[in-house]
Amino acid sequence: KWLRMSGEIRDNLQEFLIKEASAPV
């Protein structure tokens, strides 16, 4: 089930690379 999510996870990561978190990291 988690392996099948790899494409969705990859898309999220692309977004997170561009957009910073709302709190200090």
PDB file of all heavy atoms in Angstrom:
ATOM      1  N   LYS A   1       0.835  -1.205   0.000  1.00  0.00           N
ATOM      2  CA  LYS A   1       0.000   0.000   0.000  1.00  0.00           C
ATOM      3  C   LYS A   1       0.871   1.258   0.000  1.00  0.00           C
ATOM      4  O   LYS A   1       0.605   2.219  -0.735  1.00  0.00           O
ATOM      5  CB  LYS A   1      -0.916   0.015   1.224  1.00  0.00           C
ATOM      6  CG  LYS A   1      -2.048  -1.004   1.195  1.00  0.00           C
ATOM      7  CD  LYS A   1      -2.864  -0.906   2.474  1.00  0.00           C
ATOM      8  CE  LYS A   1      -3.921  -1.993   2.560  1.00  0.00           C
ATOM      9  NZ  LYS A   1      -4.692  -1.916   3.817  1.00  0.00           N
ATOM     10  N   TRP A   2       1.918   1.246   0.834  1.00  0.00           N
ATOM     11  CA  TRP A   2       2.808   2.407   0.917  1.00  0.00           C
ATOM     12  C   TRP A   2       3.656   2.524  -0.344  1.00  0.00           C
ATOM     13  O   TRP A   2       3.940   3.630  -0.804  1.00  0.00           O
ATOM     14  CB  TRP A   2       3.672   2.316   2.167  1.00  0.00           C
ATOM     15  CG  TRP A   2       2.927   2.732   3.394  1.00  0.00           C
ATOM     16  CD1 TRP A   2       1.949   2.042   4.055  1.00  0.00           C
ATOM     17  CD2 TRP A   2       3.058   3.963   4.103  1.00  0.00           C
ATOM     18  NE1 TRP A   2       1.471   2.768   5.124  1.00  0.00           N
ATOM     19  CE2 TRP A   2       2.144   3.946   5.181  1.00  0.00           C
ATOM     20  CE3 TRP A   2       3.871   5.081   3.940  1.00  0.00           C
ATOM     21  CZ2 TRP A   2       2.017   4.991   6.077  1.00  0.00           C
ATOM     22  CZ3 TRP A   2       3.756   6.127   4.839  1.00  0.00           C
ATOM     23  CH2 TRP A   2       2.826   6.088   5.896  1.00  0.00           C
ATOM     24  N   LEU A   3       4.046   1.401  -0.916  1.00  0.00           N
ATOM     25  CA  LEU A   3       4.826   1.433  -2.150  1.00  0.00           C
ATOM     26  C   LEU A   3       4.024   2.068  -3.275  1.00  0.00           C
ATOM     27  O   LEU A   3       4.564   2.819  -4.089  1.00  0.00           O
ATOM     28  CB  LEU A   3       5.255   0.007  -2.530  1.00  0.00           C
ATOM     29  CG  LEU A   3       6.175  -0.136  -3.743  1.00  0.00           C
ATOM     30  CD1 LEU A   3       7.487   0.601  -3.515  1.00  0.00           C
ATOM     31  CD2 LEU A   3       6.434  -1.613  -4.032  1.00  0.00           C
ATOM     32  N   ARG A   4       2.724   1.790  -3.312  1.00  0.00           N
ATOM     33  CA  ARG A   4       1.871   2.357  -4.360  1.00  0.00           C
ATOM     34  C   ARG A   4       1.715   3.870  -4.224  1.00  0.00           C
ATOM     35  O   ARG A   4       1.285   4.538  -5.165  1.00  0.00           O
ATOM     36  CB  ARG A   4       0.494   1.681  -4.352  1.00  0.00           C
ATOM     37  CG  ARG A   4       0.487   0.283  -4.955  1.00  0.00           C
ATOM     38  CD  ARG A   4      -0.932  -0.189  -5.238  1.00  0.00           C
ATOM     39  NE  ARG A   4      -1.669  -0.478  -4.022  1.00  0.00           N
ATOM     40  CZ  ARG A   4      -1.750  -1.682  -3.458  1.00  0.00           C
ATOM     41  NH1 ARG A   4      -1.118  -2.720  -4.004  1.00  0.00           N
ATOM     42  NH2 ARG A   4      -2.446  -1.872  -2.353  1.00  0.00           N
ATOM     43  N   MET A   5       2.039   4.427  -3.067  1.00  0.00           N
ATOM     44  CA  MET A   5       1.915   5.863  -2.858  1.00  0.00           C
ATOM     45  C   MET A   5       3.142   6.634  -3.310  1.00  0.00           C
ATOM     46  O   MET A   5       3.184   7.859  -3.177  1.00  0.00           O
ATOM     47  CB  MET A   5       1.675   6.169  -1.371  1.00  0.00           C
ATOM     48  CG  MET A   5       0.287   5.880  -0.877  1.00  0.00           C
ATOM     49  SD  MET A   5      -0.006   6.708   0.709  1.00  0.00           S
ATOM     50  CE  MET A   5       1.250   5.956   1.730  1.00  0.00           C
ATOM     51  N   SER A   6       4.166   5.952  -3.828  1.00  0.00           N
ATOM     52  CA  SER A   6       5.444   6.614  -4.128  1.00  0.00           C
ATOM     53  C   SER A   6       5.289   7.781  -5.102  1.00  0.00           C
ATOM     54  O   SER A   6       5.942   8.814  -4.955  1.00  0.00           O
ATOM     55  CB  SER A   6       6.460   5.600  -4.667  1.00  0.00           C
ATOM     56  OG  SER A   6       5.974   4.966  -5.836  1.00  0.00           O
ATOM     57  N   GLY A   7       4.411   7.633  -6.092  1.00  0.00           N
ATOM     58  CA  GLY A   7       4.188   8.718  -7.044  1.00  0.00           C
ATOM     59  C   GLY A   7       3.584   9.944  -6.376  1.00  0.00           C
ATOM     60  O   GLY A   7       3.999  11.082  -6.634  1.00  0.00           O
ATOM     61  N   GLU A   8       2.622   9.718  -5.497  1.00  0.00           N
ATOM     62  CA  GLU A   8       1.979  10.816  -4.758  1.00  0.00           C
ATOM     63  C   GLU A   8       2.981  11.487  -3.820  1.00  0.00           C
ATOM     64  O   GLU A   8       2.996  12.719  -3.682  1.00  0.00           O
ATOM     65  CB  GLU A   8       0.798  10.266  -3.958  1.00  0.00           C
ATOM     66  CG  GLU A   8      -0.030  11.336  -3.258  1.00  0.00           C
ATOM     67  CD  GLU A   8      -1.124  10.755  -2.388  1.00  0.00           C
ATOM     68  OE1 GLU A   8      -1.320   9.519  -2.416  1.00  0.00           O
ATOM     69  OE2 GLU A   8      -1.769  11.533  -1.665  1.00  0.00           O
ATOM     70  N   ILE A   9       3.822  10.677  -3.168  1.00  0.00           N
ATOM     71  CA  ILE A   9       4.849  11.226  -2.274  1.00  0.00           C
ATOM     72  C   ILE A   9       5.819  12.092  -3.071  1.00  0.00           C
ATOM     73  O   ILE A   9       6.206  13.183  -2.635  1.00  0.00           O
ATOM     74  CB  ILE A   9       5.595  10.093  -1.544  1.00  0.00           C
ATOM     75  CG1 ILE A   9       4.656   9.390  -0.565  1.00  0.00           C
ATOM     76  CG2 ILE A   9       6.814  10.634  -0.799  1.00  0.00           C
ATOM     77  CD1 ILE A   9       5.230   8.134   0.049  1.00  0.00           C
ATOM     78  N   ARG A  10       6.202  11.630  -4.247  1.00  0.00           N
ATOM     79  CA  ARG A  10       7.133  12.382  -5.100  1.00  0.00           C
ATOM     80  C   ARG A  10       6.546  13.747  -5.460  1.00  0.00           C
ATOM     81  O   ARG A  10       7.248  14.764  -5.434  1.00  0.00           O
ATOM     82  CB  ARG A  10       7.444  11.580  -6.355  1.00  0.00           C
ATOM     83  CG  ARG A  10       8.548  12.192  -7.215  1.00  0.00           C
ATOM     84  CD  ARG A  10       8.743  11.435  -8.519  1.00  0.00           C
ATOM     85  NE  ARG A  10       9.257  10.096  -8.282  1.00  0.00           N
ATOM     86  CZ  ARG A  10       8.564   8.973  -8.446  1.00  0.00           C
ATOM     87  NH1 ARG A  10       7.283   9.033  -8.829  1.00  0.00           N
ATOM     88  NH2 ARG A  10       9.111   7.800  -8.233  1.00  0.00           N
ATOM     89  N   ASP A  11       5.259  13.782  -5.773  1.00  0.00           N
ATOM     90  CA  ASP A  11       4.610  15.050  -6.115  1.00  0.00           C
ATOM     91  C   ASP A  11       4.601  15.999  -4.920  1.00  0.00           C
ATOM     92  O   ASP A  11       4.818  17.208  -5.073  1.00  0.00           O
ATOM     93  CB  ASP A  11       3.172  14.799  -6.577  1.00  0.00           C
ATOM     94  CG  ASP A  11       3.111  14.074  -7.916  1.00  0.00           C
ATOM     95  OD1 ASP A  11       4.125  14.071  -8.635  1.00  0.00           O
ATOM     96  OD2 ASP A  11       2.048  13.493  -8.219  1.00  0.00           O
ATOM     97  N   ASN A  12       4.333  15.458  -3.728  1.00  0.00           N
ATOM     98  CA  ASN A  12       4.356  16.279  -2.520  1.00  0.00           C
ATOM     99  C   ASN A  12       5.742  16.867  -2.283  1.00  0.00           C
ATOM    100  O   ASN A  12       5.878  18.039  -1.917  1.00  0.00           O
ATOM    101  CB  ASN A  12       3.933  15.451  -1.305  1.00  0.00           C
ATOM    102  CG  ASN A  12       2.437  15.450  -1.080  1.00  0.00           C
ATOM    103  OD1 ASN A  12       1.874  16.387  -0.536  1.00  0.00           O
ATOM    104  ND2 ASN A  12       1.783  14.389  -1.501  1.00  0.00           N
ATOM    105  N   LEU A  13       6.763  16.061  -2.483  1.00  0.00           N
ATOM    106  CA  LEU A  13       8.126  16.526  -2.263  1.00  0.00           C
ATOM    107  C   LEU A  13       8.486  17.677  -3.192  1.00  0.00           C
ATOM    108  O   LEU A  13       9.163  18.629  -2.785  1.00  0.00           O
ATOM    109  CB  LEU A  13       9.113  15.365  -2.451  1.00  0.00           C
ATOM    110  CG  LEU A  13       9.144  14.325  -1.327  1.00  0.00           C
ATOM    111  CD1 LEU A  13      10.040  13.155  -1.708  1.00  0.00           C
ATOM    112  CD2 LEU A  13       9.626  14.940  -0.019  1.00  0.00           C
ATOM    113  N   GLN A  14       8.040  17.600  -4.428  1.00  0.00           N
ATOM    114  CA  GLN A  14       8.306  18.681  -5.367  1.00  0.00           C
ATOM    115  C   GLN A  14       7.705  19.990  -4.869  1.00  0.00           C
ATOM    116  O   GLN A  14       8.310  21.059  -4.991  1.00  0.00           O
ATOM    117  CB  GLN A  14       7.747  18.322  -6.750  1.00  0.00           C
ATOM    118  CG  GLN A  14       8.517  17.230  -7.471  1.00  0.00           C
ATOM    119  CD  GLN A  14       9.969  17.592  -7.707  1.00  0.00           C
ATOM    120  OE1 GLN A  14      10.293  18.709  -8.111  1.00  0.00           O
ATOM    121  NE2 GLN A  14      10.869  16.651  -7.440  1.00  0.00           N
ATOM    122  N   GLU A  15       6.511  19.891  -4.308  1.00  0.00           N
ATOM    123  CA  GLU A  15       5.847  21.086  -3.758  1.00  0.00           C
ATOM    124  C   GLU A  15       6.596  21.614  -2.543  1.00  0.00           C
ATOM    125  O   GLU A  15       6.785  22.824  -2.388  1.00  0.00           O
ATOM    126  CB  GLU A  15       4.406  20.741  -3.386  1.00  0.00           C
ATOM    127  CG  GLU A  15       3.619  21.907  -2.819  1.00  0.00           C
ATOM    128  CD  GLU A  15       2.202  21.539  -2.431  1.00  0.00           C
ATOM    129  OE1 GLU A  15       1.738  20.453  -2.844  1.00  0.00           O
ATOM    130  OE2 GLU A  15       1.570  22.322  -1.702  1.00  0.00           O
ATOM    131  N   PHE A  16       7.055  20.704  -1.672  1.00  0.00           N
ATOM    132  CA  PHE A  16       7.735  21.109  -0.439  1.00  0.00           C
ATOM    133  C   PHE A  16       9.104  21.722  -0.709  1.00  0.00           C
ATOM    134  O   PHE A  16       9.603  22.520   0.083  1.00  0.00           O
ATOM    135  CB  PHE A  16       7.882  19.921   0.509  1.00  0.00           C
ATOM    136  CG  PHE A  16       6.565  19.316   0.935  1.00  0.00           C
ATOM    137  CD1 PHE A  16       6.489  17.982   1.316  1.00  0.00           C
ATOM    138  CD2 PHE A  16       5.401  20.073   0.957  1.00  0.00           C
ATOM    139  CE1 PHE A  16       5.291  17.424   1.712  1.00  0.00           C
ATOM    140  CE2 PHE A  16       4.196  19.521   1.342  1.00  0.00           C
ATOM    141  CZ  PHE A  16       4.130  18.188   1.720  1.00  0.00           C
ATOM    142  N   LEU A  17       9.720  21.334  -1.829  1.00  0.00           N
ATOM    143  CA  LEU A  17      11.007  21.929  -2.191  1.00  0.00           C
ATOM    144  C   LEU A  17      10.853  23.407  -2.519  1.00  0.00           C
ATOM    145  O   LEU A  17      11.742  24.219  -2.246  1.00  0.00           O
ATOM    146  CB  LEU A  17      11.605  21.202  -3.400  1.00  0.00           C
ATOM    147  CG  LEU A  17      12.235  19.836  -3.148  1.00  0.00           C
ATOM    148  CD1 LEU A  17      12.620  19.197  -4.481  1.00  0.00           C
ATOM    149  CD2 LEU A  17      13.454  19.948  -2.256  1.00  0.00           C
ATOM    150  N   ILE A  18       9.719  23.752  -3.097  1.00  0.00           N
ATOM    151  CA  ILE A  18       9.468  25.136  -3.513  1.00  0.00           C
ATOM    152  C   ILE A  18       8.895  25.969  -2.370  1.00  0.00           C
ATOM    153  O   ILE A  18       9.324  27.102  -2.131  1.00  0.00           O
ATOM    154  CB  ILE A  18       8.496  25.152  -4.711  1.00  0.00           C
ATOM    155  CG1 ILE A  18       9.106  24.391  -5.894  1.00  0.00           C
ATOM    156  CG2 ILE A  18       8.146  26.580  -5.105  1.00  0.00           C
ATOM    157  CD1 ILE A  18       8.130  24.125  -7.018  1.00  0.00           C
ATOM    158  N   LYS A  19       7.942  25.374  -1.645  1.00  0.00           N
ATOM    159  CA  LYS A  19       7.237  26.118  -0.601  1.00  0.00           C
ATOM    160  C   LYS A  19       7.801  25.791   0.776  1.00  0.00           C
ATOM    161  O   LYS A  19       7.891  24.639   1.163  1.00  0.00           O
ATOM    162  CB  LYS A  19       5.741  25.763  -0.641  1.00  0.00           C
ATOM    163  CG  LYS A  19       4.889  26.592   0.304  1.00  0.00           C
ATOM    164  CD  LYS A  19       3.418  26.233   0.158  1.00  0.00           C
ATOM    165  CE  LYS A  19       2.549  27.063   1.103  1.00  0.00           C
ATOM    166  NZ  LYS A  19       1.116  26.714   0.970  1.00  0.00           N
ATOM    167  N   GLU A  20       8.155  26.823   1.519  1.00  0.00           N
ATOM    168  CA  GLU A  20       8.682  26.619   2.865  1.00  0.00           C
ATOM    169  C   GLU A  20       7.568  26.258   3.840  1.00  0.00           C
ATOM    170  O   GLU A  20       6.391  26.556   3.613  1.00  0.00           O
ATOM    171  CB  GLU A  20       9.390  27.888   3.357  1.00  0.00           C
ATOM    172  CG  GLU A  20      10.672  28.199   2.626  1.00  0.00           C
ATOM    173  CD  GLU A  20      11.573  29.126   3.424  1.00  0.00           C
ATOM    174  OE1 GLU A  20      11.832  28.840   4.608  1.00  0.00           O
ATOM    175  OE2 GLU A  20      12.027  30.137   2.850  1.00  0.00           O
ATOM    176  N   ALA A  21       7.942  25.620   4.935  1.00  0.00           N
ATOM    177  CA  ALA A  21       6.989  25.281   5.995  1.00  0.00           C
ATOM    178  C   ALA A  21       6.504  26.552   6.674  1.00  0.00           C
ATOM    179  O   ALA A  21       7.133  27.611   6.601  1.00  0.00           O
ATOM    180  CB  ALA A  21       7.645  24.352   7.009  1.00  0.00           C
ATOM    181  N   SER A  22       5.374  26.453   7.368  1.00  0.00           N
ATOM    182  CA  SER A  22       4.795  27.626   8.038  1.00  0.00           C
ATOM    183  C   SER A  22       5.448  27.897   9.389  1.00  0.00           C
ATOM    184  O   SER A  22       5.133  28.896  10.030  1.00  0.00           O
ATOM    185  CB  SER A  22       3.285  27.425   8.226  1.00  0.00           C
ATOM    186  OG  SER A  22       3.017  26.397   9.170  1.00  0.00           O
ATOM    187  N   ALA A  23       6.352  27.003   9.819  1.00  0.00           N
ATOM    188  CA  ALA A  23       7.019  27.139  11.120  1.00  0.00           C
ATOM    189  C   ALA A  23       8.520  26.948  10.932  1.00  0.00           C
ATOM    190  O   ALA A  23       8.963  26.405   9.918  1.00  0.00           O
ATOM    191  CB  ALA A  23       6.476  26.087  12.095  1.00  0.00           C
ATOM    192  N   PRO A  24       9.314  27.396  11.902  1.00  0.00           N
ATOM    193  CA  PRO A  24      10.765  27.186  11.821  1.00  0.00           C
ATOM    194  C   PRO A  24      11.101  25.697  11.751  1.00  0.00           C
ATOM    195  O   PRO A  24      10.473  24.881  12.433  1.00  0.00           O
ATOM    196  CB  PRO A  24      11.287  27.801  13.125  1.00  0.00           C
ATOM    197  CG  PRO A  24      10.234  28.762  13.558  1.00  0.00           C
ATOM    198  CD  PRO A  24       8.931  28.164  13.111  1.00  0.00           C
ATOM    199  N   VAL A  25      12.089  25.357  10.934  1.00  0.00           N
ATOM    200  CA  VAL A  25      12.459  23.960  10.712  1.00  0.00           C
ATOM    201  C   VAL A  25      13.914  23.730  11.088  1.00  0.00           C
ATOM    202  O   VAL A  25      14.805  24.487  10.682  1.00  0.00           O
ATOM    203  CB  VAL A  25      12.256  23.553   9.240  1.00  0.00           C
ATOM    204  CG1 VAL A  25      12.663  22.090   9.033  1.00  0.00           C
ATOM    205  CG2 VAL A  25      10.808  23.769   8.813  1.00  0.00           C
TER     206      VAL A  25
END
